Amino acid sequence: MGKQELPAAFVRQMELLLGSDTEAFLDSYERPRTHGLRFNGLKLAGVPQLKEAAIREFGLTPVPWCSTGYYYGENVRPGKHPYHTAGLYYIQEPSAMSAVELLDPQPGETILDLAAAPGGKSTHIASKMKGEGLLVSNEIHPERAKILAENIERMGVTNAVVTSAAPDELSRRFPQAFDRIMLDAPCSGEGMFRKDSGAIAEWTPQLVELCAARQWDILQEAYSMLKPGGTMAYSTCTFNRSENEDMMERFTAHYADMEIIAMKRLWPHREAGEGHFVALLQKRSEPSSGGHTLEASPSERQRPRRKGRSGNGKPGTGLQDAQSALKAFQAWADEELPDFALPAGTPILFGESLYLLPGGELLQEQQLHGLKVPRAGIHLAHLKKNRIEPAHALAIALSPQQAAKRITLAAEDPQVSAYLRGETLQVDASLKGWVLAAVDGLPLGWGKASSGQLKNHLPKGLRQH
């Protein structure tokens, strides 16, 4: 696109905001958009050599504000490589990587990503958490929540629960529950113009006002879920002050115990990226004297509870049944996954699907009743009549060395593409039963071996054509 396609009202807005920098900013629309990927620390730990291999293969160069972030060229296609399918990296706009870097999540913490789809920031948070603690990743729109759950699964995250709820539904259940909150707020998307012409067509000054009003409502719910002493990153991919600095000034004026710790702007004419705004805020541990009288958030006032459904189908069938299912799974794993240790969590059943729910005392099964939960922790297995069928999510969360039976293929091996298409593979006739298929040390999924053939168990929705 070119700068001549920009709405006149947007250009006037930017002139008021940037002054003498406006022409350089507008000229950035004559340049190609930037492309980036971020390596997944959960995967790299087992195959550190693949990072250098990918850097060479894709011609990657570092993103200055993210130690795991890299730029790639316009004609490179890392999303088509099997390493992407195996979760080695997440394709993400480089500027957007700044938000989680500023939030600085730590292992063992309880963290909320409040508007999380498609999953760039959630998977970044999970990578920094190293499988320890609880991550609640929420997306209000069900279809986008499904994509979020798929991306979290692909990256091998074991300690995340994906919910699909309005912010007020969550704040009723999790008052002052989170050490850190990531709020990548729904915004007018001015930073999307260079890569999405639809964002230009939708933009109006009225949209900016509408987004600011929505952000204010969401921020109040986020406030009620943040622990005293906790930190929150508020970010947008838009440029105007109404949704950024002005919003933060209004928020900290309204809540006297909230203070801005840092504020960061990335501009497309100054850095290689599409642009991003991030503010880091902290809630003081002690009540503040003076200032605004704190009001209850909308969800803290009396209102009727909404009905919903729980999980991926039928509600859980009771803790005793779930414990029995976990024992059956553990017996299977003792033989098939001799070096696998179950992560911390509570077993939970949705129909015939066994999950391990992270969170300990903070997150109990009853808190999920009435919520739509596309992913209740890590999916371990499907419980068939007299057998255990391991889940795809379990395969992706493993390292191949943990599987008693495995095949490891090189990325250029045609059998990798065949497996990802869902085809049956030819294998050694001595292999029997469940086999983990991997590419260069990264798991791809399960197959079941018999008579020299590996029947493909890659979920049909993930198969490539």
Protein backbone atom coordinates (compact mmCIF):
# COMPACT_ATOMS: atom_id res chain seq x y z
CA MET A 1 0.00 0.00 0.00
CA GLY A 2 0.99 3.65 -0.28
CA LYS A 3 0.48 6.61 2.00
CA GLN A 4 -2.05 8.10 -0.42
CA GLU A 5 -4.50 5.36 0.65
CA LEU A 6 -4.53 6.51 4.29
CA PRO A 7 -7.72 8.18 5.59
CA ALA A 8 -7.40 11.97 5.71
CA ALA A 9 -8.61 12.05 9.34
CA PHE A 10 -5.88 9.58 10.29
CA VAL A 11 -3.21 11.71 8.61
CA ARG A 12 -4.44 14.80 10.52
CA GLN A 13 -4.39 12.82 13.77
CA MET A 14 -0.78 11.77 13.15
CA GLU A 15 0.26 15.34 12.27
CA LEU A 16 -1.00 16.49 15.66
CA LEU A 17 0.76 13.59 17.38
CA LEU A 18 4.10 13.58 15.58
CA GLY A 19 4.64 17.11 14.28
CA SER A 20 7.85 17.27 12.25
CA ASP A 21 8.15 13.47 12.34
CA THR A 22 4.92 13.02 10.39
CA GLU A 23 6.46 12.84 6.91
CA ALA A 24 8.95 10.16 7.96
CA PHE A 25 6.07 8.21 9.54
CA LEU A 26 3.92 8.46 6.40
CA ASP A 27 6.85 7.47 4.20
CA SER A 28 7.07 4.18 6.11
CA TYR A 29 3.86 3.13 4.33
CA GLU A 30 5.81 3.05 1.07
CA ARG A 31 8.07 0.29 2.45
CA PRO A 32 7.23 -3.44 2.75
CA ARG A 33 5.87 -4.73 6.04
CA THR A 34 8.21 -6.50 8.44
CA HIS A 35 8.14 -10.23 9.17
CA GLY A 36 9.31 -12.00 12.30
CA LEU A 37 9.38 -15.21 14.27
CA ARG A 38 10.08 -15.95 17.91
CA PHE A 39 11.81 -19.13 19.04
CA ASN A 40 10.01 -21.30 21.59
CA GLY A 41 12.14 -21.87 24.68
CA LEU A 42 10.02 -24.89 25.64
CA LYS A 43 11.27 -26.67 22.52
CA LEU A 44 14.77 -25.22 22.23
CA ALA A 45 15.83 -26.65 25.58
CA GLY A 46 15.97 -30.13 24.06
CA VAL A 47 17.35 -29.23 20.63
CA PRO A 48 19.43 -26.03 21.01
CA GLN A 49 21.31 -26.73 17.76
CA LEU A 50 18.12 -26.19 15.73
CA LYS A 51 18.12 -22.47 16.49
CA GLU A 52 21.38 -21.91 14.61
CA ALA A 53 20.20 -24.22 11.83
CA ALA A 54 17.02 -22.17 11.41
CA ILE A 55 18.93 -18.87 11.55
CA ARG A 56 21.10 -20.07 8.67
CA GLU A 57 18.30 -21.63 6.65
CA PHE A 58 15.94 -18.63 6.85
CA GLY A 59 18.57 -15.88 6.92
CA LEU A 60 17.33 -14.54 10.26
CA THR A 61 18.51 -11.33 11.93
CA PRO A 62 17.87 -10.39 15.61
CA VAL A 63 14.98 -8.26 16.87
CA PRO A 64 16.65 -5.77 19.27
CA TRP A 65 13.97 -5.80 21.99
CA CYS A 66 13.40 -9.59 22.15
CA SER A 67 16.24 -12.05 22.73
CA THR A 68 14.31 -14.89 21.06
CA GLY A 69 12.89 -12.76 18.22
CA TYR A 70 14.22 -12.62 14.66
CA TYR A 71 13.36 -10.92 11.37
CA TYR A 72 13.04 -12.86 8.15
CA GLY A 73 12.80 -11.67 4.57
CA GLU A 74 9.65 -11.18 2.56
CA ASN A 75 10.31 -14.18 0.30
CA VAL A 76 11.14 -16.63 3.12
CA ARG A 77 8.40 -19.07 4.20
CA PRO A 78 9.20 -20.45 7.68
CA GLY A 79 5.51 -21.21 8.19
CA LYS A 80 5.75 -23.94 5.55
CA HIS A 81 8.63 -25.72 7.28
CA PRO A 82 8.01 -28.77 9.52
CA TYR A 83 9.79 -26.96 12.37
CA HIS A 84 6.82 -24.59 12.48
CA THR A 85 4.36 -27.48 12.73
CA ALA A 86 6.51 -28.93 15.52
CA GLY A 87 6.38 -25.69 17.51
CA LEU A 88 10.03 -24.63 17.30
CA TYR A 89 8.95 -21.03 16.67
CA TYR A 90 5.90 -18.80 16.47
CA ILE A 91 5.46 -16.39 13.58
CA GLN A 92 4.81 -12.97 15.12
CA GLU A 93 5.04 -9.34 14.12
CA PRO A 94 8.32 -8.07 15.64
CA SER A 95 6.92 -4.98 17.40
CA ALA A 96 4.34 -7.12 19.22
CA MET A 97 7.15 -9.07 20.92
CA SER A 98 7.87 -6.02 23.07
CA ALA A 99 4.80 -6.42 25.29
CA VAL A 100 5.71 -9.69 27.01
CA GLU A 101 9.35 -8.65 27.25
CA LEU A 102 8.22 -5.64 29.28
CA LEU A 103 5.81 -7.73 31.39
CA ASP A 104 8.70 -10.11 32.23
CA PRO A 105 6.81 -13.24 33.38
CA GLN A 106 8.60 -15.64 35.74
CA PRO A 107 8.35 -19.41 36.30
CA GLY A 108 5.90 -20.38 39.02
CA GLU A 109 3.69 -17.31 38.76
CA THR A 110 -0.05 -17.11 38.14
CA ILE A 111 -0.60 -15.12 34.94
CA LEU A 112 -3.61 -14.04 32.88
CA ASP A 113 -3.60 -13.16 29.19
CA LEU A 114 -7.00 -11.50 29.00
CA ALA A 115 -7.46 -10.99 25.23
CA ALA A 116 -5.15 -13.70 23.99
CA ALA A 117 -6.00 -14.86 20.44
CA PRO A 118 -4.33 -15.88 18.23
CA GLY A 119 -1.68 -16.71 20.84
CA GLY A 120 1.50 -14.76 20.15
CA LYS A 121 1.68 -13.21 23.60
CA SER A 122 0.37 -16.30 25.44
CA THR A 123 2.97 -18.58 23.88
CA HIS A 124 5.65 -15.96 24.62
CA ILE A 125 4.54 -15.89 28.28
CA ALA A 126 4.48 -19.70 28.43
CA SER A 127 8.00 -19.89 27.01
CA LYS A 128 9.23 -17.65 29.83
CA MET A 129 7.29 -19.62 32.48
CA LYS A 130 9.16 -22.83 31.55
CA GLY A 131 6.18 -25.04 32.39
CA GLU A 132 5.95 -23.80 36.00
CA GLY A 133 2.94 -21.95 37.40
CA LEU A 134 -0.46 -21.28 35.81
CA LEU A 135 -1.31 -19.37 32.64
CA VAL A 136 -4.96 -18.56 31.94
CA SER A 137 -5.35 -17.54 28.29
CA ASN A 138 -8.73 -16.02 27.52
CA GLU A 139 -10.42 -15.09 24.27
CA ILE A 140 -14.05 -13.99 24.24
CA HIS A 141 -14.77 -15.03 20.62
CA PRO A 142 -15.22 -18.84 20.41
CA GLU A 143 -13.69 -19.33 16.95
CA ARG A 144 -10.65 -17.26 17.84
CA ALA A 145 -10.40 -19.14 21.16
CA LYS A 146 -10.18 -22.39 19.20
CA ILE A 147 -7.22 -21.01 17.19
CA LEU A 148 -5.63 -19.84 20.44
CA ALA A 149 -5.96 -23.34 21.92
CA GLU A 150 -4.42 -24.90 18.80
CA ASN A 151 -1.41 -22.56 18.94
CA ILE A 152 -0.85 -23.22 22.64
CA GLU A 153 -0.99 -26.94 21.93
CA ARG A 154 1.41 -26.67 18.97
CA MET A 155 4.00 -24.95 21.14
CA GLY A 156 3.94 -27.78 23.69
CA VAL A 157 2.54 -25.72 26.59
CA THR A 158 1.47 -27.88 29.55
CA ASN A 159 0.49 -25.29 32.18
CA ALA A 160 -2.13 -23.21 30.33
CA VAL A 161 -5.92 -23.19 30.54
CA VAL A 162 -7.75 -21.63 27.58
CA THR A 163 -11.07 -19.99 28.40
CA SER A 164 -13.60 -18.24 26.19
CA ALA A 165 -15.33 -15.74 28.44
CA ALA A 166 -16.22 -12.09 28.79
CA PRO A 167 -13.81 -10.30 31.15
CA ASP A 168 -16.55 -9.83 33.76
CA GLU A 169 -17.19 -13.58 33.85
CA LEU A 170 -13.55 -14.15 34.70
CA SER A 171 -13.29 -11.38 37.27
CA ARG A 172 -16.19 -12.88 39.26
CA ARG A 173 -14.23 -16.12 39.54
CA PHE A 174 -10.71 -14.78 39.97
CA PRO A 175 -10.72 -11.69 42.24
CA GLN A 176 -7.16 -10.47 42.94
CA ALA A 177 -5.83 -13.81 41.68
CA PHE A 178 -3.01 -12.97 39.26
CA ASP A 179 0.62 -11.98 39.76
CA ARG A 180 0.78 -10.57 36.23
CA ILE A 181 -1.82 -9.71 33.60
CA MET A 182 -1.25 -9.22 29.88
CA LEU A 183 -3.93 -7.05 28.29
CA ASP A 184 -3.33 -6.70 24.57
CA ALA A 185 -6.44 -4.59 24.22
CA PRO A 186 -8.81 -4.75 21.24
CA CYS A 187 -7.96 -1.54 19.39
CA SER A 188 -8.49 0.45 16.20
CA GLY A 189 -5.55 -1.34 14.58
CA GLU A 190 -3.65 1.60 13.10
CA GLY A 191 -0.48 -0.49 13.28
CA MET A 192 -2.12 -3.06 11.00
CA PHE A 193 -2.51 -0.71 8.02
CA ARG A 194 0.70 -1.78 6.27
CA LYS A 195 -0.22 -5.47 6.28
CA ASP A 196 -4.02 -5.38 6.18
CA SER A 197 -5.90 -3.08 3.81
CA GLY A 198 -9.14 -4.09 5.55
CA ALA A 199 -7.95 -2.27 8.69
CA ILE A 200 -7.72 0.93 6.63
CA ALA A 201 -11.24 0.51 5.29
CA GLU A 202 -12.65 -0.01 8.80
CA TRP A 203 -10.85 2.92 10.47
CA THR A 204 -12.79 6.04 11.47
CA PRO A 205 -12.43 8.52 14.34
CA GLN A 206 -15.62 6.98 15.71
CA LEU A 207 -13.95 3.55 15.80
CA VAL A 208 -11.17 5.04 17.93
CA GLU A 209 -13.76 6.34 20.41
CA LEU A 210 -15.58 3.00 20.44
CA CYS A 211 -12.34 1.08 21.09
CA ALA A 212 -11.34 3.45 23.90
CA ALA A 213 -14.70 2.91 25.60
CA ARG A 214 -14.32 -0.87 25.31
CA GLN A 215 -10.74 -0.72 26.62
CA TRP A 216 -11.88 1.23 29.68
CA ASP A 217 -14.44 -1.46 30.53
CA ILE A 218 -11.90 -4.28 30.12
CA LEU A 219 -9.26 -2.43 32.17
CA GLN A 220 -11.65 -2.21 35.14
CA GLU A 221 -12.14 -5.98 35.09
CA ALA A 222 -8.38 -6.52 34.75
CA TYR A 223 -7.79 -4.28 37.76
CA SER A 224 -10.08 -6.41 39.93
CA MET A 225 -8.16 -9.59 38.98
CA LEU A 226 -4.67 -8.22 39.70
CA LYS A 227 -3.11 -9.06 43.04
CA PRO A 228 -1.84 -6.22 45.25
CA GLY A 229 1.80 -5.88 44.26
CA GLY A 230 1.06 -7.42 40.86
CA THR A 231 1.99 -5.98 37.47
CA MET A 232 0.00 -5.53 34.28
CA ALA A 233 1.12 -4.84 30.73
CA TYR A 234 -1.38 -2.91 28.63
CA SER A 235 -0.62 -2.90 24.91
CA THR A 236 -2.17 -1.92 21.59
CA CYS A 237 -1.12 -2.02 17.96
CA THR A 238 -2.50 1.47 17.37
CA PHE A 239 -0.93 4.95 17.42
CA ASN A 240 -3.45 7.50 18.73
CA ARG A 241 -3.17 8.88 22.26
CA SER A 242 -6.84 8.15 23.12
CA GLU A 243 -6.23 4.41 23.26
CA ASN A 244 -2.71 4.69 24.70
CA GLU A 245 -1.27 7.46 26.91
CA ASP A 246 -4.65 9.10 27.56
CA MET A 247 -6.12 5.73 28.56
CA MET A 248 -3.27 5.09 30.99
CA GLU A 249 -3.61 8.55 32.51
CA ARG A 250 -7.34 8.02 33.00
CA PHE A 251 -6.77 4.56 34.50
CA THR A 252 -4.15 5.64 37.02
CA ALA A 253 -6.19 8.72 37.95
CA HIS A 254 -9.23 6.52 38.62
CA TYR A 255 -7.38 3.81 40.57
CA ALA A 256 -5.07 5.53 43.02
CA ASP A 257 -3.16 2.33 43.84
CA MET A 258 -2.10 1.82 40.20
CA GLU A 259 1.07 3.45 38.92
CA ILE A 260 2.85 3.42 35.57
CA ILE A 261 6.27 1.78 35.86
CA ALA A 262 7.34 2.07 32.22
CA MET A 263 5.91 3.13 28.88
CA LYS A 264 7.23 2.10 25.48
CA ARG A 265 6.44 3.19 21.93
CA LEU A 266 7.75 1.46 18.82
CA TRP A 267 7.25 3.48 15.62
CA PRO A 268 7.45 2.01 12.10
CA HIS A 269 9.60 4.93 10.86
CA ARG A 270 12.11 4.52 13.70
CA GLU A 271 12.34 0.75 14.18
CA ALA A 272 11.87 -2.26 11.93
CA GLY A 273 8.32 -3.20 12.85
CA GLU A 274 4.69 -2.25 12.37
CA GLY A 275 4.53 -0.28 15.62
CA HIS A 276 3.30 -1.01 19.15
CA PHE A 277 2.42 0.71 22.43
CA VAL A 278 3.09 -0.93 25.81
CA ALA A 279 2.63 0.40 29.33
CA LEU A 280 3.70 -1.52 32.43
CA LEU A 281 1.64 -0.81 35.54
CA GLN A 282 1.86 -1.99 39.13
CA LYS A 283 -0.79 -2.25 41.83
CA ARG A 284 0.62 -1.07 45.14
CA SER A 285 0.63 -3.64 47.93
CA GLU A 286 -0.68 -1.23 50.55
CA PRO A 287 -3.91 0.79 50.22
CA SER A 288 -3.23 4.32 49.07
CA SER A 289 -4.24 7.31 51.17
CA GLY A 290 -5.99 10.11 49.33
CA GLY A 291 -6.71 10.15 45.61
CA HIS A 292 -9.79 8.76 43.94
CA THR A 293 -12.24 6.67 45.96
CA LEU A 294 -11.96 3.21 44.51
CA GLU A 295 -15.14 1.88 42.98
CA ALA A 296 -16.17 -1.70 42.47
CA SER A 297 -15.62 -2.92 38.95
CA PRO A 298 -18.83 -3.63 37.01
CA SER A 299 -18.53 -7.36 37.75
CA GLU A 300 -18.17 -6.79 41.50
CA ARG A 301 -21.65 -5.29 41.63
CA GLN A 302 -24.60 -7.63 41.95
CA ARG A 303 -25.64 -9.15 38.66
CA PRO A 304 -27.16 -12.47 37.54
CA ARG A 305 -24.77 -15.28 36.68
CA ARG A 306 -24.69 -16.45 33.09
CA LYS A 307 -25.12 -20.02 32.13
CA GLY A 308 -22.63 -21.76 29.89
CA ARG A 309 -21.06 -25.07 29.18
CA SER A 310 -17.92 -26.55 30.61
CA GLY A 311 -15.03 -27.88 28.59
CA ASN A 312 -14.98 -29.72 25.29
CA GLY A 313 -18.34 -31.38 25.63
CA LYS A 314 -19.87 -33.12 28.66
CA PRO A 315 -19.09 -31.82 32.13
CA GLY A 316 -16.49 -33.61 34.20
CA THR A 317 -17.64 -36.96 35.59
CA GLY A 318 -16.30 -36.51 39.11
CA LEU A 319 -12.91 -36.46 40.79
CA GLN A 320 -12.99 -40.17 41.67
CA ASP A 321 -13.53 -41.16 38.04
CA ALA A 322 -10.82 -38.74 36.95
CA GLN A 323 -8.37 -40.22 39.45
CA SER A 324 -9.15 -43.71 38.15
CA ALA A 325 -8.60 -42.50 34.60
CA LEU A 326 -5.29 -40.95 35.62
CA LYS A 327 -4.16 -44.24 37.18
CA ALA A 328 -5.01 -46.05 33.95
CA PHE A 329 -3.09 -43.46 31.95
CA GLN A 330 -0.11 -43.67 34.33
CA ALA A 331 -0.01 -47.45 33.92
CA TRP A 332 0.06 -46.97 30.14
CA ALA A 333 2.73 -44.27 30.42
CA ASP A 334 4.94 -46.44 32.65
CA GLU A 335 5.40 -48.75 29.66
CA GLU A 336 5.17 -46.38 26.72
CA LEU A 337 6.83 -43.27 28.22
CA PRO A 338 9.38 -44.58 30.73
CA ASP A 339 11.17 -41.23 31.17
CA PHE A 340 8.01 -39.09 31.33
CA ALA A 341 7.03 -37.39 34.59
CA LEU A 342 3.52 -36.01 34.82
CA PRO A 343 3.47 -32.24 35.37
CA ALA A 344 1.71 -30.94 38.48
CA GLY A 345 -2.04 -30.79 38.14
CA THR A 346 -5.47 -32.19 38.91
CA PRO A 347 -7.01 -34.81 36.60
CA ILE A 348 -10.26 -33.75 34.98
CA LEU A 349 -12.57 -35.59 32.59
CA PHE A 350 -14.56 -34.10 29.73
CA GLY A 351 -16.49 -37.02 28.32
CA GLU A 352 -13.82 -39.55 27.31
CA SER A 353 -11.01 -36.96 27.29
CA LEU A 354 -8.58 -36.88 30.21
CA TYR A 355 -6.90 -33.54 30.97
CA LEU A 356 -4.44 -32.47 33.63
CA LEU A 357 -5.59 -29.15 35.05
CA PRO A 358 -2.75 -26.90 36.31
CA GLY A 359 -3.06 -24.30 39.02
CA GLY A 360 -3.20 -26.20 42.30
CA GLU A 361 -5.44 -24.56 44.89
CA LEU A 362 -6.07 -21.45 42.79
CA LEU A 363 -7.81 -23.26 39.96
CA GLN A 364 -10.29 -25.95 40.91
CA GLU A 365 -12.60 -27.84 38.57
CA GLN A 366 -15.69 -26.11 39.98
CA GLN A 367 -14.37 -22.72 38.89
CA LEU A 368 -14.62 -23.88 35.28
CA HIS A 369 -18.27 -24.94 35.49
CA GLY A 370 -20.34 -22.61 33.35
CA LEU A 371 -17.32 -21.41 31.39
CA LYS A 372 -16.42 -22.38 27.86
CA VAL A 373 -13.02 -24.04 28.21
CA PRO A 374 -11.50 -25.05 24.86
CA ARG A 375 -8.41 -26.42 26.64
CA ALA A 376 -8.39 -27.36 30.33
CA GLY A 377 -4.65 -27.78 30.74
CA ILE A 378 -2.85 -30.53 28.87
CA HIS A 379 -4.89 -33.17 27.08
CA LEU A 380 -3.35 -36.51 28.05
CA ALA A 381 -5.52 -39.19 26.47
CA HIS A 382 -8.80 -40.38 25.05
CA LEU A 383 -10.31 -43.17 27.17
CA LYS A 384 -11.64 -45.89 24.93
CA LYS A 385 -13.51 -48.97 26.23
CA ASN A 386 -10.53 -51.05 27.28
CA ARG A 387 -7.59 -48.97 26.19
CA ILE A 388 -5.77 -45.67 26.35
CA GLU A 389 -5.33 -43.62 23.18
CA PRO A 390 -2.70 -40.93 23.79
CA ALA A 391 -3.68 -37.39 22.80
CA HIS A 392 -1.89 -35.35 20.14
CA ALA A 393 -1.24 -32.61 22.73
CA LEU A 394 0.71 -35.11 24.82
CA ALA A 395 2.89 -36.03 21.84
CA ILE A 396 3.74 -32.39 21.14
CA ALA A 397 4.61 -31.75 24.80
CA LEU A 398 7.10 -34.64 24.95
CA SER A 399 10.71 -34.88 23.96
CA PRO A 400 11.26 -37.89 21.67
CA GLN A 401 13.66 -39.45 24.18
CA GLN A 402 10.74 -39.91 26.58
CA ALA A 403 8.96 -42.32 24.22
CA ALA A 404 9.85 -46.01 24.34
CA LYS A 405 9.15 -46.29 20.60
CA ARG A 406 9.93 -43.46 18.19
CA ILE A 407 11.04 -42.65 14.69
CA THR A 408 13.13 -39.54 14.08
CA LEU A 409 13.24 -38.19 10.55
CA ALA A 410 15.33 -35.42 9.00
CA ALA A 411 13.43 -32.30 7.91
CA GLU A 412 14.23 -32.96 4.24
CA ASP A 413 13.05 -36.59 4.39
CA PRO A 414 9.96 -37.04 2.15
CA GLN A 415 8.41 -39.14 4.92
CA VAL A 416 8.02 -35.98 7.02
CA SER A 417 5.75 -34.41 4.41
CA ALA A 418 3.94 -37.73 4.02
CA TYR A 419 3.30 -37.91 7.76
CA LEU A 420 2.02 -34.32 7.85
CA ARG A 421 -0.39 -35.18 5.01
CA GLY A 422 -1.79 -37.98 7.18
CA GLU A 423 -0.33 -40.83 5.14
CA THR A 424 0.71 -44.27 6.40
CA LEU A 425 4.49 -44.72 6.68
CA GLN A 426 6.65 -47.77 6.15
CA VAL A 427 8.61 -48.63 9.31
CA ASP A 428 10.70 -51.43 10.75
CA ALA A 429 8.60 -54.55 11.20
CA SER A 430 9.83 -54.91 14.79
CA LEU A 431 7.93 -51.75 15.83
CA LYS A 432 4.59 -52.49 17.48
CA GLY A 433 2.06 -50.20 19.12
CA TRP A 434 2.23 -46.47 19.76
CA VAL A 435 5.17 -44.70 18.12
CA LEU A 436 6.16 -41.06 18.43
CA ALA A 437 7.05 -39.50 15.06
CA ALA A 438 9.62 -36.69 15.24
CA VAL A 439 11.56 -34.37 12.94
CA ASP A 440 15.16 -33.57 13.96
CA GLY A 441 14.30 -34.19 17.62
CA LEU A 442 10.96 -32.31 17.58
CA PRO A 443 7.79 -34.40 18.05
CA LEU A 444 5.15 -34.25 15.32
CA GLY A 445 2.53 -36.69 16.60
CA TRP A 446 1.56 -40.31 17.12
CA GLY A 447 1.34 -43.30 14.85
CA LYS A 448 0.43 -46.92 15.59
CA ALA A 449 2.78 -49.53 14.19
CA SER A 450 1.84 -53.00 12.99
CA SER A 451 3.29 -55.32 10.31
CA GLY A 452 5.83 -52.76 9.09
CA GLN A 453 3.31 -49.95 8.70
CA LEU A 454 2.74 -46.87 10.85
CA LYS A 455 -0.92 -45.90 10.83
CA ASN A 456 -1.09 -42.11 11.05
CA HIS A 457 -2.82 -40.58 14.10
CA LEU A 458 -2.18 -36.93 13.29
CA PRO A 459 -5.57 -35.20 13.87
CA LYS A 460 -7.35 -34.68 10.56
CA GLY A 461 -7.72 -30.94 11.17
CA LEU A 462 -3.94 -30.56 11.34
CA ARG A 463 -3.08 -32.48 8.19
CA GLN A 464 -1.48 -30.55 5.36
CA HIS A 465 -2.64 -30.79 1.77
